[in-house]
N, C-alpha and C. Protein backbone atom coordinates (compact mmCIF):
# COMPACT_ATOMS: atom_id res chain seq x y z
N UNK A 1 12.81 64.26 -14.52
CA UNK A 1 12.36 62.87 -14.40
C UNK A 1 13.68 62.13 -13.81
N UNK A 2 13.52 61.80 -12.67
CA UNK A 2 14.63 61.05 -11.99
C UNK A 2 14.52 59.60 -12.11
N UNK A 3 15.51 58.94 -12.64
CA UNK A 3 15.50 57.49 -12.71
C UNK A 3 16.32 56.99 -11.53
N UNK A 4 15.75 55.97 -10.82
CA UNK A 4 16.59 55.40 -9.65
C UNK A 4 17.95 55.00 -10.12
N UNK A 5 18.87 55.17 -9.24
CA UNK A 5 20.25 54.74 -9.53
C UNK A 5 20.70 53.43 -8.92
N UNK A 6 19.58 52.71 -8.49
CA UNK A 6 19.84 51.38 -7.83
C UNK A 6 18.78 50.40 -8.24
N UNK A 7 19.05 49.11 -8.13
CA UNK A 7 18.10 48.10 -8.25
C UNK A 7 17.92 47.41 -6.86
N UNK A 8 16.78 46.77 -6.63
CA UNK A 8 16.55 46.12 -5.51
C UNK A 8 16.08 44.63 -5.71
N UNK A 9 16.69 43.84 -4.87
CA UNK A 9 16.27 42.31 -4.90
C UNK A 9 15.67 42.16 -3.50
N UNK A 10 14.52 41.52 -3.69
CA UNK A 10 13.66 41.06 -2.49
C UNK A 10 13.87 39.66 -2.43
N UNK A 11 14.13 39.13 -1.17
CA UNK A 11 14.33 37.62 -1.13
C UNK A 11 13.95 37.22 0.33
N UNK A 12 13.78 35.92 0.50
CA UNK A 12 13.41 35.35 1.70
C UNK A 12 14.59 35.38 2.67
N UNK A 13 14.22 35.76 3.92
CA UNK A 13 15.21 35.79 4.98
C UNK A 13 15.92 34.48 5.18
N UNK A 14 17.30 34.58 5.20
CA UNK A 14 18.06 33.32 5.51
C UNK A 14 18.48 32.73 4.12
N UNK A 15 17.83 33.06 3.01
CA UNK A 15 18.27 32.51 1.64
C UNK A 15 19.25 33.36 1.02
N UNK A 16 20.06 32.68 0.09
CA UNK A 16 20.97 33.40 -0.71
C UNK A 16 20.16 34.37 -1.66
N UNK A 17 20.50 35.60 -1.92
CA UNK A 17 19.63 36.59 -2.52
C UNK A 17 19.43 36.35 -4.03
N UNK A 18 20.39 35.60 -4.65
CA UNK A 18 20.33 35.53 -6.07
C UNK A 18 20.07 34.27 -6.73
N UNK A 19 19.24 33.45 -5.92
CA UNK A 19 18.75 32.19 -6.38
C UNK A 19 17.59 32.41 -7.44
N UNK A 20 17.39 31.49 -8.39
CA UNK A 20 16.35 31.62 -9.19
C UNK A 20 15.64 30.10 -9.36
N UNK A 21 14.36 30.00 -9.29
CA UNK A 21 13.74 28.73 -9.49
C UNK A 21 14.10 28.13 -10.72
N UNK A 22 14.29 28.93 -11.77
CA UNK A 22 14.68 28.29 -13.04
C UNK A 22 16.11 27.81 -13.15
N UNK A 23 16.91 27.95 -12.14
CA UNK A 23 18.11 27.24 -12.02
C UNK A 23 17.98 25.77 -11.73
N UNK A 24 16.88 25.39 -11.11
CA UNK A 24 16.49 24.07 -10.77
C UNK A 24 15.86 23.17 -11.82
N UNK A 25 15.90 21.94 -11.86
CA UNK A 25 15.10 21.19 -12.77
C UNK A 25 13.60 21.48 -12.50
N UNK A 26 12.83 21.44 -13.55
CA UNK A 26 11.42 21.81 -13.47
C UNK A 26 10.66 21.20 -12.41
N UNK A 27 10.79 19.82 -12.17
CA UNK A 27 10.02 19.19 -11.22
C UNK A 27 10.41 19.75 -9.92
N UNK A 28 11.61 19.92 -9.56
CA UNK A 28 12.15 20.36 -8.21
C UNK A 28 11.68 21.77 -7.97
N UNK A 29 11.81 22.60 -9.15
CA UNK A 29 11.43 23.97 -9.00
C UNK A 29 9.89 24.09 -8.66
N UNK A 30 9.13 23.29 -9.36
CA UNK A 30 7.67 23.43 -8.98
C UNK A 30 7.23 22.82 -7.64
N UNK A 31 8.13 21.94 -7.09
CA UNK A 31 7.87 21.48 -5.71
C UNK A 31 8.16 22.60 -4.71
N UNK A 32 9.30 23.24 -4.91
CA UNK A 32 9.81 24.43 -4.14
C UNK A 32 8.73 25.62 -4.22
N UNK A 33 8.23 25.85 -5.35
CA UNK A 33 7.24 26.88 -5.54
C UNK A 33 5.90 26.57 -4.93
N UNK A 34 5.39 25.27 -5.07
CA UNK A 34 4.22 24.85 -4.50
C UNK A 34 4.31 25.09 -2.98
N UNK A 35 5.31 24.62 -2.34
CA UNK A 35 5.52 24.72 -0.99
C UNK A 35 5.51 26.11 -0.45
N UNK A 36 6.26 27.03 -1.17
CA UNK A 36 6.19 28.38 -0.93
C UNK A 36 4.87 29.10 -0.96
N UNK A 37 4.14 28.74 -1.98
CA UNK A 37 2.83 29.20 -2.20
C UNK A 37 1.82 28.78 -1.14
N UNK A 38 1.86 27.52 -0.68
CA UNK A 38 1.16 26.98 0.37
C UNK A 38 1.39 27.61 1.70
N UNK A 39 2.75 27.80 1.88
CA UNK A 39 3.11 28.48 3.20
C UNK A 39 2.70 29.86 3.43
N UNK A 40 2.75 30.62 2.27
CA UNK A 40 2.47 32.05 2.32
C UNK A 40 1.09 32.36 1.78
N UNK A 41 0.16 31.32 1.41
CA UNK A 41 -1.17 31.60 1.02
C UNK A 41 -1.23 32.36 -0.37
N UNK A 42 -0.32 31.93 -1.25
CA UNK A 42 -0.22 32.73 -2.49
C UNK A 42 -0.97 32.01 -3.61
N UNK A 43 -1.88 32.65 -4.19
CA UNK A 43 -2.61 32.04 -5.34
C UNK A 43 -2.30 32.72 -6.70
N UNK A 44 -3.36 32.95 -7.39
CA UNK A 44 -3.25 33.53 -8.63
C UNK A 44 -2.34 32.91 -9.69
N UNK A 45 -1.79 33.56 -10.60
CA UNK A 45 -1.01 32.95 -11.68
C UNK A 45 0.22 32.27 -11.23
N UNK A 46 0.97 32.83 -10.04
CA UNK A 46 2.21 32.41 -9.63
C UNK A 46 2.03 30.95 -9.10
N UNK A 47 0.92 30.60 -8.52
CA UNK A 47 0.57 29.29 -7.96
C UNK A 47 0.35 28.20 -9.08
N UNK A 48 -0.04 28.68 -10.29
CA UNK A 48 -0.42 27.63 -11.31
C UNK A 48 0.87 26.71 -11.63
N UNK A 49 0.54 25.56 -11.99
CA UNK A 49 1.50 24.43 -12.16
C UNK A 49 2.41 24.84 -13.48
N UNK A 50 1.86 25.43 -14.42
CA UNK A 50 2.55 25.82 -15.63
C UNK A 50 3.24 27.19 -15.59
N UNK A 51 3.19 27.82 -14.48
CA UNK A 51 3.90 29.18 -14.28
C UNK A 51 5.35 29.11 -14.67
N UNK A 52 6.10 28.17 -14.20
CA UNK A 52 7.59 28.20 -14.51
C UNK A 52 7.79 27.88 -15.93
N UNK A 53 6.93 27.05 -16.68
CA UNK A 53 7.22 26.89 -18.01
C UNK A 53 7.08 28.15 -18.81
N UNK A 54 6.02 28.96 -18.54
CA UNK A 54 5.82 30.26 -19.10
C UNK A 54 6.95 31.14 -18.78
N UNK A 55 7.34 31.12 -17.51
CA UNK A 55 8.45 31.93 -17.05
C UNK A 55 9.64 31.75 -17.86
N UNK A 56 10.04 30.45 -18.05
CA UNK A 56 11.27 30.06 -18.88
C UNK A 56 11.05 30.56 -20.30
N UNK A 57 9.90 30.41 -20.96
CA UNK A 57 9.72 30.83 -22.23
C UNK A 57 9.95 32.38 -22.38
N UNK A 58 9.42 33.06 -21.29
CA UNK A 58 9.53 34.59 -21.33
C UNK A 58 11.08 34.91 -21.13
N UNK A 59 11.71 34.13 -20.27
CA UNK A 59 13.14 34.38 -20.09
C UNK A 59 13.98 34.22 -21.34
N UNK A 60 13.63 33.21 -22.09
CA UNK A 60 14.34 32.96 -23.41
C UNK A 60 14.05 34.13 -24.40
N UNK A 61 12.74 34.64 -24.34
CA UNK A 61 12.39 35.71 -25.21
C UNK A 61 13.32 37.03 -24.78
N UNK A 62 13.30 37.31 -23.49
CA UNK A 62 14.08 38.55 -23.07
C UNK A 62 15.47 38.35 -23.36
N UNK A 63 16.17 37.17 -23.15
CA UNK A 63 17.48 37.01 -23.40
C UNK A 63 17.78 37.30 -24.84
N UNK A 64 17.08 36.80 -25.75
CA UNK A 64 17.28 37.05 -27.20
C UNK A 64 17.02 38.48 -27.56
N UNK A 65 15.95 39.12 -27.00
CA UNK A 65 15.71 40.48 -27.28
C UNK A 65 16.83 41.36 -26.75
N UNK A 66 17.39 41.10 -25.57
CA UNK A 66 18.52 41.91 -25.05
C UNK A 66 19.68 41.70 -26.00
N UNK A 67 20.01 40.59 -26.50
CA UNK A 67 21.06 40.36 -27.35
C UNK A 67 20.82 41.23 -28.75
N UNK A 68 19.53 41.13 -29.26
CA UNK A 68 19.21 41.90 -30.39
C UNK A 68 19.38 43.43 -30.33
N UNK A 69 19.32 43.94 -29.03
CA UNK A 69 19.39 45.25 -28.71
C UNK A 69 20.78 45.65 -28.40
N UNK A 70 21.69 44.74 -28.48
CA UNK A 70 23.22 44.99 -28.28
C UNK A 70 23.62 44.67 -26.83
N UNK A 71 22.75 44.08 -26.09
CA UNK A 71 23.16 43.60 -24.83
C UNK A 71 24.16 42.49 -24.83
N UNK A 72 24.83 42.25 -23.59
CA UNK A 72 25.71 41.17 -23.59
C UNK A 72 25.44 40.36 -22.31
N UNK A 73 24.41 39.52 -22.25
CA UNK A 73 24.05 38.67 -21.04
C UNK A 73 25.15 37.70 -20.78
N UNK A 74 25.50 37.54 -19.64
CA UNK A 74 26.45 36.57 -19.25
C UNK A 74 25.84 35.18 -19.01
N UNK A 75 24.74 35.22 -18.19
CA UNK A 75 24.00 34.02 -17.75
C UNK A 75 22.74 33.76 -18.74
N UNK A 76 22.22 32.59 -18.56
CA UNK A 76 21.05 32.29 -19.38
C UNK A 76 19.90 32.28 -18.49
N UNK A 77 19.91 32.52 -17.25
CA UNK A 77 18.73 32.67 -16.26
C UNK A 77 19.01 33.91 -15.55
N UNK A 78 18.03 34.91 -15.52
CA UNK A 78 18.31 36.11 -14.90
C UNK A 78 17.89 36.07 -13.38
N UNK A 79 18.31 37.11 -12.70
CA UNK A 79 17.96 37.47 -11.45
C UNK A 79 16.93 38.67 -11.59
N UNK A 80 15.73 38.43 -11.06
CA UNK A 80 14.67 39.50 -11.20
C UNK A 80 14.86 40.44 -10.09
N UNK A 81 14.85 41.75 -10.38
CA UNK A 81 14.96 42.90 -9.51
C UNK A 81 14.10 43.99 -9.88
N UNK A 82 13.98 45.01 -9.02
CA UNK A 82 13.16 46.16 -9.22
C UNK A 82 14.01 47.35 -9.44
N UNK A 83 13.82 48.21 -10.48
CA UNK A 83 14.36 49.44 -10.55
C UNK A 83 13.94 50.38 -9.49
N UNK A 84 14.81 50.72 -8.66
CA UNK A 84 14.33 51.59 -7.41
C UNK A 84 13.89 50.59 -6.43
N UNK A 85 12.71 50.89 -5.90
CA UNK A 85 12.07 49.97 -4.83
C UNK A 85 10.66 49.68 -5.34
N UNK A 86 10.01 48.62 -4.73
CA UNK A 86 8.77 48.23 -5.12
C UNK A 86 7.75 49.35 -4.67
N UNK A 87 6.67 49.67 -5.54
CA UNK A 87 5.80 50.67 -4.95
C UNK A 87 4.97 50.19 -3.83
N UNK A 88 4.53 50.99 -2.91
CA UNK A 88 3.65 50.52 -1.87
C UNK A 88 2.22 50.44 -2.37
N UNK A 89 1.47 49.64 -1.65
CA UNK A 89 -0.01 49.52 -2.07
C UNK A 89 -0.24 48.24 -2.71
N UNK A 90 -1.25 48.31 -3.72
CA UNK A 90 -1.84 47.12 -4.37
C UNK A 90 -0.75 46.36 -5.16
N UNK A 91 0.31 47.05 -5.63
CA UNK A 91 1.27 46.30 -6.45
C UNK A 91 2.60 46.04 -5.82
N UNK A 92 2.74 46.18 -4.50
CA UNK A 92 3.94 45.98 -3.73
C UNK A 92 4.18 44.60 -3.65
N UNK A 93 5.31 44.09 -4.35
CA UNK A 93 5.62 42.71 -4.33
C UNK A 93 5.84 42.12 -2.87
N UNK A 94 6.10 43.06 -2.00
CA UNK A 94 6.33 42.52 -0.62
C UNK A 94 5.07 42.10 0.05
N UNK A 95 3.88 42.43 -0.52
CA UNK A 95 2.63 42.22 0.07
C UNK A 95 2.27 40.74 -0.29
N UNK A 96 2.68 40.18 -1.43
CA UNK A 96 2.19 38.81 -1.72
C UNK A 96 3.42 37.93 -1.99
N UNK A 97 4.10 38.12 -3.05
CA UNK A 97 5.11 37.22 -3.53
C UNK A 97 6.34 37.17 -2.66
N UNK A 98 6.57 38.39 -2.07
CA UNK A 98 7.77 38.46 -1.24
C UNK A 98 7.43 38.91 0.24
N UNK A 99 6.57 38.22 0.76
CA UNK A 99 6.17 38.54 2.17
C UNK A 99 7.31 38.41 3.12
N UNK A 100 7.56 39.29 4.02
CA UNK A 100 8.55 39.24 5.06
C UNK A 100 9.92 39.24 4.38
N UNK A 101 10.03 39.84 3.31
CA UNK A 101 11.32 39.78 2.53
C UNK A 101 12.33 40.70 3.10
N UNK A 102 13.62 40.24 2.86
CA UNK A 102 14.76 41.07 3.09
C UNK A 102 15.02 41.73 1.78
N UNK A 103 15.77 42.72 1.69
CA UNK A 103 16.23 43.33 0.44
C UNK A 103 17.66 43.66 0.38
N UNK A 104 18.17 43.74 -0.84
CA UNK A 104 19.51 44.22 -1.10
C UNK A 104 19.39 45.17 -2.24
N UNK A 105 19.96 46.39 -2.06
CA UNK A 105 20.02 47.37 -3.09
C UNK A 105 21.34 47.56 -3.68
N UNK A 106 21.27 47.52 -4.98
CA UNK A 106 22.78 47.47 -5.54
C UNK A 106 22.83 48.72 -6.53
N UNK A 107 23.76 49.50 -6.31
CA UNK A 107 23.90 50.71 -7.19
C UNK A 107 24.19 50.35 -8.62
N UNK A 108 23.38 50.99 -9.61
CA UNK A 108 23.64 50.62 -11.04
C UNK A 108 25.12 50.72 -11.46
N UNK A 109 25.91 51.61 -10.85
CA UNK A 109 27.30 51.75 -11.12
C UNK A 109 28.03 50.50 -10.82
N UNK A 110 27.52 49.56 -10.03
CA UNK A 110 28.28 48.37 -9.63
C UNK A 110 28.17 47.21 -10.56
N UNK A 111 27.34 47.39 -11.66
CA UNK A 111 27.24 46.32 -12.52
C UNK A 111 27.27 46.81 -13.94
N UNK A 112 27.60 45.92 -14.89
CA UNK A 112 27.66 46.19 -16.37
C UNK A 112 26.20 46.32 -16.86
N UNK A 113 25.73 47.38 -17.28
CA UNK A 113 24.33 47.58 -17.67
C UNK A 113 23.96 46.87 -19.04
N UNK A 114 25.04 46.56 -19.75
CA UNK A 114 24.84 45.77 -20.99
C UNK A 114 24.29 44.25 -20.67
N UNK A 115 24.46 43.78 -19.39
CA UNK A 115 23.86 42.57 -18.86
C UNK A 115 22.61 42.61 -18.23
N UNK A 116 22.00 43.86 -18.36
CA UNK A 116 20.70 44.05 -17.66
C UNK A 116 19.62 44.43 -18.59
N UNK A 117 18.50 43.80 -18.55
CA UNK A 117 17.36 44.16 -19.47
C UNK A 117 16.28 44.76 -18.51
N UNK A 118 15.28 45.48 -18.97
CA UNK A 118 14.29 45.93 -18.21
C UNK A 118 12.94 45.86 -18.92
N UNK A 119 11.90 45.63 -18.17
CA UNK A 119 10.54 45.51 -18.82
C UNK A 119 9.59 46.40 -17.81
N UNK A 120 8.51 46.94 -18.48
CA UNK A 120 7.53 47.59 -17.71
C UNK A 120 6.22 47.11 -18.06
N UNK A 121 5.41 46.78 -17.04
CA UNK A 121 5.58 46.89 -15.63
C UNK A 121 6.32 45.69 -15.08
N UNK A 122 6.16 44.57 -15.78
CA UNK A 122 6.62 43.27 -15.35
C UNK A 122 6.92 42.39 -16.60
N UNK A 123 7.72 41.41 -16.60
CA UNK A 123 8.12 40.71 -17.69
C UNK A 123 6.91 39.89 -18.21
N UNK A 124 5.90 39.64 -17.47
CA UNK A 124 4.75 38.79 -17.83
C UNK A 124 3.57 39.72 -18.34
N UNK A 125 3.64 41.02 -18.25
CA UNK A 125 2.64 41.95 -18.63
C UNK A 125 3.02 43.02 -19.66
N UNK A 126 2.04 43.44 -20.32
CA UNK A 126 2.17 44.57 -21.19
C UNK A 126 1.03 45.57 -21.14
N UNK A 127 1.37 46.77 -21.27
CA UNK A 127 0.41 47.87 -21.22
C UNK A 127 0.36 48.55 -22.55
N UNK A 128 -0.89 48.96 -22.97
CA UNK A 128 -1.24 49.67 -24.12
C UNK A 128 -1.59 51.04 -23.48
N UNK A 129 -0.93 52.21 -23.95
CA UNK A 129 -1.25 53.51 -23.37
C UNK A 129 -1.95 54.41 -24.47
N UNK A 130 -2.68 55.46 -23.97
CA UNK A 130 -3.17 56.42 -24.91
C UNK A 130 -2.09 57.50 -25.13
N UNK A 131 -2.42 58.66 -25.81
CA UNK A 131 -1.33 59.63 -26.10
C UNK A 131 -1.00 60.34 -24.79
N UNK A 132 -1.76 60.40 -23.75
CA UNK A 132 -1.45 61.13 -22.56
C UNK A 132 -0.69 60.20 -21.61
N UNK A 133 -0.32 58.92 -21.98
CA UNK A 133 0.30 58.11 -21.10
C UNK A 133 -0.67 57.27 -20.17
N UNK A 134 -1.97 57.40 -20.36
CA UNK A 134 -2.88 56.64 -19.56
C UNK A 134 -2.98 55.09 -19.98
N UNK A 135 -2.98 54.22 -19.03
CA UNK A 135 -3.03 52.84 -19.39
C UNK A 135 -4.46 52.47 -19.82
N UNK A 136 -4.66 51.89 -21.03
CA UNK A 136 -5.94 51.64 -21.39
C UNK A 136 -6.19 50.08 -21.64
N UNK A 137 -5.08 49.36 -21.67
CA UNK A 137 -5.30 47.94 -21.93
C UNK A 137 -4.15 47.14 -21.33
N UNK A 138 -4.21 46.73 -19.96
CA UNK A 138 -3.09 45.87 -19.58
C UNK A 138 -3.45 44.47 -19.85
N UNK A 139 -2.49 43.62 -19.85
CA UNK A 139 -2.75 42.14 -20.18
C UNK A 139 -1.46 41.39 -20.09
N UNK A 140 -1.67 40.12 -19.96
CA UNK A 140 -0.62 39.07 -19.97
C UNK A 140 0.15 39.08 -21.37
N UNK A 141 1.42 38.70 -21.35
CA UNK A 141 2.12 38.58 -22.62
C UNK A 141 3.16 37.42 -22.53
N UNK A 142 3.44 36.81 -23.61
CA UNK A 142 4.71 36.05 -23.53
C UNK A 142 5.79 36.62 -24.34
N UNK A 143 5.57 37.86 -24.87
CA UNK A 143 6.62 38.49 -25.60
C UNK A 143 6.65 40.05 -25.09
N UNK A 144 7.27 40.22 -23.82
CA UNK A 144 7.29 41.54 -23.37
C UNK A 144 8.09 42.52 -24.13
N UNK A 145 7.85 43.78 -24.03
CA UNK A 145 8.78 44.72 -24.68
C UNK A 145 9.96 44.84 -23.72
N UNK A 146 11.17 44.70 -24.30
CA UNK A 146 12.45 44.75 -23.60
C UNK A 146 13.18 45.98 -23.83
N UNK A 147 13.68 46.64 -22.78
CA UNK A 147 14.36 47.81 -22.85
C UNK A 147 15.80 47.70 -22.26
N UNK A 148 16.61 48.68 -22.68
CA UNK A 148 17.91 48.77 -22.20
C UNK A 148 17.90 49.91 -21.28
N UNK A 149 18.94 50.04 -20.50
CA UNK A 149 19.03 51.16 -19.53
C UNK A 149 18.85 52.59 -20.32
N UNK A 150 19.44 52.70 -21.47
CA UNK A 150 19.27 53.88 -22.25
C UNK A 150 17.89 54.32 -22.68
N UNK A 151 17.04 53.22 -22.73
CA UNK A 151 15.56 53.45 -23.11
C UNK A 151 14.79 53.90 -21.92
N UNK A 152 15.19 53.94 -20.73
CA UNK A 152 14.47 54.16 -19.54
C UNK A 152 13.77 55.65 -19.51
N UNK A 153 14.57 56.69 -19.95
CA UNK A 153 13.86 57.98 -19.86
C UNK A 153 12.64 57.98 -20.72
N UNK A 154 12.68 57.26 -21.97
CA UNK A 154 11.45 57.30 -22.70
C UNK A 154 10.30 56.44 -22.03
N UNK A 155 10.65 55.42 -21.50
CA UNK A 155 9.68 54.65 -20.70
C UNK A 155 9.07 55.40 -19.59
N UNK A 156 9.93 56.03 -18.84
CA UNK A 156 9.41 56.74 -17.63
C UNK A 156 8.51 57.82 -18.06
N UNK A 157 8.86 58.55 -19.18
CA UNK A 157 8.05 59.55 -19.79
C UNK A 157 6.76 59.11 -20.38
N UNK A 158 6.82 58.09 -21.08
CA UNK A 158 5.57 57.60 -21.75
C UNK A 158 4.55 57.06 -20.73
N UNK A 159 4.94 56.23 -19.75
CA UNK A 159 4.08 55.62 -18.71
C UNK A 159 4.03 56.49 -17.54
N UNK A 160 4.75 57.51 -17.36
CA UNK A 160 4.63 58.35 -16.17
C UNK A 160 4.84 57.46 -14.98
N UNK A 161 5.83 56.65 -14.99
CA UNK A 161 6.07 55.62 -14.00
C UNK A 161 6.10 56.13 -12.50
N UNK A 162 6.97 57.24 -12.36
CA UNK A 162 7.03 57.83 -11.02
C UNK A 162 6.01 58.81 -10.63
N UNK A 163 5.09 59.15 -11.66
CA UNK A 163 4.01 60.09 -11.20
C UNK A 163 3.00 59.46 -10.41
N UNK A 164 2.58 58.24 -10.96
CA UNK A 164 1.55 57.42 -10.29
C UNK A 164 2.10 56.32 -9.38
N UNK A 165 3.27 55.79 -9.82
CA UNK A 165 4.04 54.87 -9.10
C UNK A 165 3.17 53.67 -8.58
N UNK A 166 2.33 53.18 -9.67
CA UNK A 166 1.41 52.00 -9.41
C UNK A 166 2.17 50.69 -9.63
N UNK A 167 3.14 50.74 -10.62
CA UNK A 167 3.92 49.59 -11.01
C UNK A 167 5.34 49.98 -10.95
N UNK A 168 6.27 48.87 -10.91
CA UNK A 168 7.61 49.22 -10.98
C UNK A 168 8.12 48.72 -12.16
N UNK A 169 9.21 49.25 -12.62
CA UNK A 169 10.06 48.82 -13.75
C UNK A 169 10.90 47.53 -13.22
N UNK A 170 10.63 46.46 -13.87
CA UNK A 170 11.43 45.14 -13.56
C UNK A 170 12.73 45.11 -14.37
N UNK A 171 13.81 44.83 -13.58
CA UNK A 171 15.11 44.61 -14.13
C UNK A 171 15.45 43.16 -14.09
N UNK A 172 16.02 42.67 -15.22
CA UNK A 172 16.58 41.24 -15.16
C UNK A 172 18.08 41.37 -15.33
N UNK A 173 18.65 40.94 -14.40
CA UNK A 173 20.16 41.00 -14.38
C UNK A 173 20.69 39.61 -14.81
N UNK A 174 21.49 39.67 -15.83
CA UNK A 174 21.97 38.47 -16.53
C UNK A 174 23.48 38.25 -16.19
N UNK A 175 23.89 38.66 -15.01
CA UNK A 175 25.22 38.46 -14.63
C UNK A 175 25.29 38.26 -13.09
N UNK A 176 25.01 37.11 -12.75
CA UNK A 176 24.99 36.75 -11.33
C UNK A 176 26.34 36.92 -10.60
N UNK A 177 27.46 36.71 -11.28
CA UNK A 177 28.73 36.90 -10.61
C UNK A 177 28.93 38.39 -10.26
N UNK A 178 28.40 39.37 -10.99
CA UNK A 178 28.62 40.82 -10.55
C UNK A 178 27.69 40.96 -9.30
N UNK A 179 26.48 40.45 -9.22
CA UNK A 179 25.67 40.61 -8.13
C UNK A 179 26.33 39.99 -6.81
N UNK A 180 26.86 38.81 -7.04
CA UNK A 180 27.56 38.11 -5.97
C UNK A 180 28.83 38.90 -5.42
N UNK A 181 29.52 39.48 -6.34
CA UNK A 181 30.76 40.32 -5.87
C UNK A 181 30.32 41.54 -5.11
N UNK A 182 29.01 42.13 -5.41
CA UNK A 182 28.71 43.24 -4.62
C UNK A 182 28.09 42.75 -3.27
N UNK A 183 27.50 41.67 -3.34
CA UNK A 183 26.94 41.06 -1.99
C UNK A 183 28.08 40.73 -1.05
N UNK A 184 29.26 40.18 -1.58
CA UNK A 184 30.44 39.96 -0.79
C UNK A 184 31.00 41.23 -0.19
N UNK A 185 30.98 42.33 -1.07
CA UNK A 185 31.56 43.60 -0.73
C UNK A 185 30.74 44.15 0.40
N UNK A 186 29.51 44.11 0.44
CA UNK A 186 28.76 44.81 1.55
C UNK A 186 28.74 43.84 2.72
N UNK A 187 28.85 42.45 2.56
CA UNK A 187 29.01 41.71 3.79
C UNK A 187 30.26 41.92 4.37
N UNK A 188 31.26 42.22 3.66
CA UNK A 188 32.63 42.52 4.25
C UNK A 188 32.54 43.92 4.96
N UNK A 189 31.84 44.92 4.47
CA UNK A 189 31.71 46.16 5.08
C UNK A 189 30.92 46.07 6.48
N UNK A 190 30.10 45.12 6.59
CA UNK A 190 29.24 44.92 7.69
C UNK A 190 30.01 44.20 8.92
N UNK A 191 31.00 43.52 8.54
CA UNK A 191 31.80 42.74 9.61
C UNK A 191 32.68 43.62 10.37
């Protein structure tokens, strides 16, 4: 069972890759999100007006869970990433939320993993599985199960993540300075 050794950030071309809507005041963040949804014809839960309120509640939950698990987040707002890359097909985030996205892949060795939390499949969803690892009850949650890097072999085994590769493991990086340092490092290599 191979666990990817990198995380991927998908972001809009021309934008700084490590921005988060929750860095902005709620009103401004909602205006930016609404314009983005309109421009890209995005509906569903992401387009709902109260989405960012729920997102912030979940971020607070994840932050405190990571601390409880012994993690050491540096920031209070995470940067959302994918462990490995987004699966292709129905659950590919590049098909809806990140249309025409650019990506940056960051080796896990480049960041302090105590400042990274993981959720499966996504921080706003929870899965109940049977004894064979088959998903029997997916649904929304405000209290996702939060994992550390050391928990990932059990998560991959339980959910057979890379056997069916329908969903990705979401990574929440709570150290934007580490991400920025890596970004500067690769920008320097490209020049």
